[in-house]
Amino acid sequence: MTAQTINVQRQMLALSMKAKLSTLWIFFLFNLIFRDIHEFVEPGFIEEIMTGTSNGNPITEHMFPDFSHHR
């Protein structure tokens, strides 16, 4: 094997890893989005959130990222 062949193989491996990570990230985001949409159409979900609870647990401001103080 030549140095050029080894270099090409390393580049292919790096590209392959980037493609795998990108695909995994896209899969994760779509699952997150569709899970949330699915919960919204569940009967009583929005009313439960409006009462300030989720599955019997209180919803507090610490459960959400607070971007209002970052300017």
N, C-alpha and C. Protein backbone atom coordinates (compact mmCIF):
# COMPACT_ATOMS: atom_id res chain seq x y z
N MET A 1 0.84 -1.19 0.00
CA MET A 1 0.00 0.00 0.00
C MET A 1 0.87 1.24 0.00
N THR A 2 0.42 2.20 -0.73
CA THR A 2 1.16 3.45 -0.79
C THR A 2 0.58 4.43 0.21
N ALA A 3 1.31 5.48 0.44
CA ALA A 3 0.86 6.52 1.36
C ALA A 3 -0.40 7.20 0.83
N GLN A 4 -0.48 7.33 -0.49
CA GLN A 4 -1.66 7.96 -1.08
C GLN A 4 -2.90 7.10 -0.87
N THR A 5 -2.77 5.78 -0.99
CA THR A 5 -3.89 4.88 -0.77
C THR A 5 -4.39 4.95 0.67
N ILE A 6 -3.45 4.99 1.61
CA ILE A 6 -3.81 5.08 3.03
C ILE A 6 -4.52 6.41 3.30
N ASN A 7 -4.03 7.48 2.70
CA ASN A 7 -4.64 8.80 2.88
C ASN A 7 -6.08 8.82 2.34
N VAL A 8 -6.29 8.21 1.18
CA VAL A 8 -7.62 8.14 0.59
C VAL A 8 -8.56 7.33 1.48
N GLN A 9 -8.06 6.23 2.02
CA GLN A 9 -8.87 5.40 2.92
C GLN A 9 -9.27 6.17 4.18
N ARG A 10 -8.36 6.94 4.72
CA ARG A 10 -8.67 7.75 5.92
C ARG A 10 -9.73 8.81 5.60
N GLN A 11 -9.61 9.43 4.43
CA GLN A 11 -10.59 10.43 4.03
C GLN A 11 -11.96 9.81 3.86
N MET A 12 -12.02 8.61 3.27
CA MET A 12 -13.30 7.91 3.08
C MET A 12 -13.92 7.55 4.42
N LEU A 13 -13.10 7.11 5.37
CA LEU A 13 -13.58 6.75 6.69
C LEU A 13 -14.13 7.98 7.41
N ALA A 14 -13.42 9.11 7.32
CA ALA A 14 -13.88 10.34 7.96
C ALA A 14 -15.19 10.81 7.34
N LEU A 15 -15.31 10.73 6.03
CA LEU A 15 -16.54 11.13 5.35
C LEU A 15 -17.68 10.20 5.74
N SER A 16 -17.38 8.92 5.83
CA SER A 16 -18.40 7.95 6.22
C SER A 16 -18.90 8.23 7.64
N MET A 17 -18.01 8.58 8.55
CA MET A 17 -18.40 8.87 9.93
C MET A 17 -19.26 10.13 9.99
N LYS A 18 -18.91 11.16 9.21
CA LYS A 18 -19.70 12.39 9.18
C LYS A 18 -21.11 12.10 8.65
N ALA A 19 -21.20 11.26 7.63
CA ALA A 19 -22.51 10.92 7.07
C ALA A 19 -23.35 10.15 8.08
N LYS A 20 -22.74 9.25 8.81
CA LYS A 20 -23.46 8.48 9.83
C LYS A 20 -23.97 9.38 10.95
N LEU A 21 -23.11 10.29 11.41
CA LEU A 21 -23.52 11.19 12.48
C LEU A 21 -24.62 12.15 12.02
N SER A 22 -24.52 12.63 10.80
CA SER A 22 -25.55 13.52 10.26
C SER A 22 -26.88 12.79 10.15
N THR A 23 -26.83 11.56 9.66
CA THR A 23 -28.05 10.77 9.53
C THR A 23 -28.68 10.50 10.89
N LEU A 24 -27.85 10.15 11.86
CA LEU A 24 -28.34 9.90 13.22
C LEU A 24 -28.98 11.15 13.81
N TRP A 25 -28.36 12.31 13.62
CA TRP A 25 -28.89 13.57 14.15
C TRP A 25 -30.24 13.91 13.50
N ILE A 26 -30.35 13.73 12.20
CA ILE A 26 -31.62 13.99 11.50
C ILE A 26 -32.70 13.04 12.00
N PHE A 27 -32.37 11.77 12.18
CA PHE A 27 -33.31 10.78 12.69
C PHE A 27 -33.80 11.18 14.09
N PHE A 28 -32.88 11.61 14.94
CA PHE A 28 -33.22 12.03 16.30
C PHE A 28 -34.17 13.23 16.28
N LEU A 29 -33.87 14.23 15.47
CA LEU A 29 -34.70 15.43 15.42
C LEU A 29 -36.11 15.13 14.90
N PHE A 30 -36.21 14.32 13.84
CA PHE A 30 -37.53 13.96 13.33
C PHE A 30 -38.33 13.17 14.36
N ASN A 31 -37.69 12.27 15.07
CA ASN A 31 -38.39 11.54 16.12
C ASN A 31 -38.90 12.48 17.20
N LEU A 32 -38.09 13.43 17.60
CA LEU A 32 -38.48 14.38 18.62
C LEU A 32 -39.67 15.22 18.16
N ILE A 33 -39.62 15.70 16.94
CA ILE A 33 -40.69 16.54 16.40
C ILE A 33 -41.99 15.75 16.29
N PHE A 34 -41.93 14.57 15.70
CA PHE A 34 -43.15 13.79 15.49
C PHE A 34 -43.73 13.26 16.79
N ARG A 35 -42.88 13.00 17.78
CA ARG A 35 -43.38 12.58 19.10
C ARG A 35 -44.18 13.72 19.72
N ASP A 36 -43.66 14.93 19.64
CA ASP A 36 -44.37 16.08 20.20
C ASP A 36 -45.69 16.32 19.48
N ILE A 37 -45.69 16.23 18.15
CA ILE A 37 -46.92 16.42 17.40
C ILE A 37 -47.93 15.34 17.77
N HIS A 38 -47.47 14.12 17.95
CA HIS A 38 -48.36 13.02 18.32
C HIS A 38 -48.99 13.27 19.69
N GLU A 39 -48.22 13.82 20.62
CA GLU A 39 -48.77 14.10 21.96
C GLU A 39 -49.82 15.21 21.91
N PHE A 40 -49.64 16.18 21.04
CA PHE A 40 -50.59 17.29 20.96
C PHE A 40 -51.98 16.83 20.55
N VAL A 41 -52.06 15.78 19.73
CA VAL A 41 -53.38 15.33 19.28
C VAL A 41 -53.99 14.31 20.25
N GLU A 42 -53.26 13.95 21.29
CA GLU A 42 -53.80 13.05 22.30
C GLU A 42 -54.88 13.79 23.09
N PRO A 43 -56.05 13.18 23.26
CA PRO A 43 -57.14 13.87 23.95
C PRO A 43 -56.74 14.29 25.36
N GLY A 44 -56.94 15.55 25.66
CA GLY A 44 -56.69 16.08 26.99
C GLY A 44 -55.28 16.54 27.26
N PHE A 45 -54.37 16.37 26.30
CA PHE A 45 -52.97 16.74 26.54
C PHE A 45 -52.81 18.24 26.74
N ILE A 46 -53.39 19.02 25.84
CA ILE A 46 -53.24 20.48 25.93
C ILE A 46 -53.92 21.01 27.19
N GLU A 47 -55.09 20.46 27.54
CA GLU A 47 -55.77 20.88 28.76
C GLU A 47 -54.92 20.56 29.99
N GLU A 48 -54.27 19.40 29.96
CA GLU A 48 -53.41 19.01 31.09
C GLU A 48 -52.24 19.98 31.23
N ILE A 49 -51.63 20.34 30.10
CA ILE A 49 -50.51 21.29 30.13
C ILE A 49 -50.99 22.65 30.63
N MET A 50 -52.19 23.05 30.23
CA MET A 50 -52.72 24.35 30.66
C MET A 50 -53.00 24.39 32.16
N THR A 51 -53.21 23.24 32.79
CA THR A 51 -53.41 23.21 34.24
C THR A 51 -52.09 23.31 34.99
N GLY A 52 -50.99 23.14 34.28
CA GLY A 52 -49.68 23.26 34.92
C GLY A 52 -49.11 21.92 35.37
N THR A 53 -49.65 20.83 34.86
CA THR A 53 -49.11 19.51 35.19
C THR A 53 -48.89 18.70 33.92
N SER A 54 -48.02 17.72 34.03
CA SER A 54 -47.79 16.78 32.94
C SER A 54 -47.58 15.41 33.57
N ASN A 55 -48.50 14.49 33.29
CA ASN A 55 -48.48 13.15 33.89
C ASN A 55 -48.49 13.22 35.42
N GLY A 56 -49.18 14.20 35.96
CA GLY A 56 -49.29 14.35 37.41
C GLY A 56 -48.15 15.11 38.05
N ASN A 57 -47.15 15.51 37.28
CA ASN A 57 -46.00 16.26 37.80
C ASN A 57 -46.17 17.73 37.47
N PRO A 58 -45.86 18.59 38.42
CA PRO A 58 -45.99 20.03 38.14
C PRO A 58 -44.97 20.49 37.10
N ILE A 59 -45.42 21.38 36.23
CA ILE A 59 -44.53 21.97 35.24
C ILE A 59 -44.00 23.27 35.82
N THR A 60 -42.70 23.36 35.93
CA THR A 60 -42.08 24.57 36.50
C THR A 60 -41.23 25.25 35.43
N GLU A 61 -40.84 26.47 35.73
CA GLU A 61 -40.02 27.22 34.78
C GLU A 61 -38.63 26.62 34.62
N HIS A 62 -38.21 25.80 35.56
CA HIS A 62 -36.88 25.19 35.48
C HIS A 62 -36.84 24.05 34.46
N MET A 63 -38.00 23.61 34.00
CA MET A 63 -38.05 22.54 33.01
C MET A 63 -37.75 23.05 31.60
N PHE A 64 -37.77 24.35 31.40
CA PHE A 64 -37.58 24.93 30.08
C PHE A 64 -36.32 25.78 30.06
N PRO A 65 -35.63 25.81 28.93
CA PRO A 65 -34.46 26.69 28.84
C PRO A 65 -34.91 28.14 28.93
N ASP A 66 -34.19 28.91 29.67
CA ASP A 66 -34.56 30.31 29.88
C ASP A 66 -33.68 31.20 29.03
N PHE A 67 -34.20 31.61 27.87
CA PHE A 67 -33.44 32.47 26.96
C PHE A 67 -33.85 33.94 27.10
N SER A 68 -34.79 34.23 27.97
CA SER A 68 -35.29 35.60 28.05
C SER A 68 -34.27 36.55 28.68
N HIS A 69 -33.34 36.01 29.45
CA HIS A 69 -32.36 36.88 30.13
C HIS A 69 -31.09 37.06 29.32
N HIS A 70 -30.97 36.34 28.22
CA HIS A 70 -29.77 36.43 27.39
C HIS A 70 -30.03 37.44 26.26
N ARG A 71 -29.26 38.48 26.25
CA ARG A 71 -29.47 39.53 25.26
C ARG A 71 -28.30 39.67 24.36
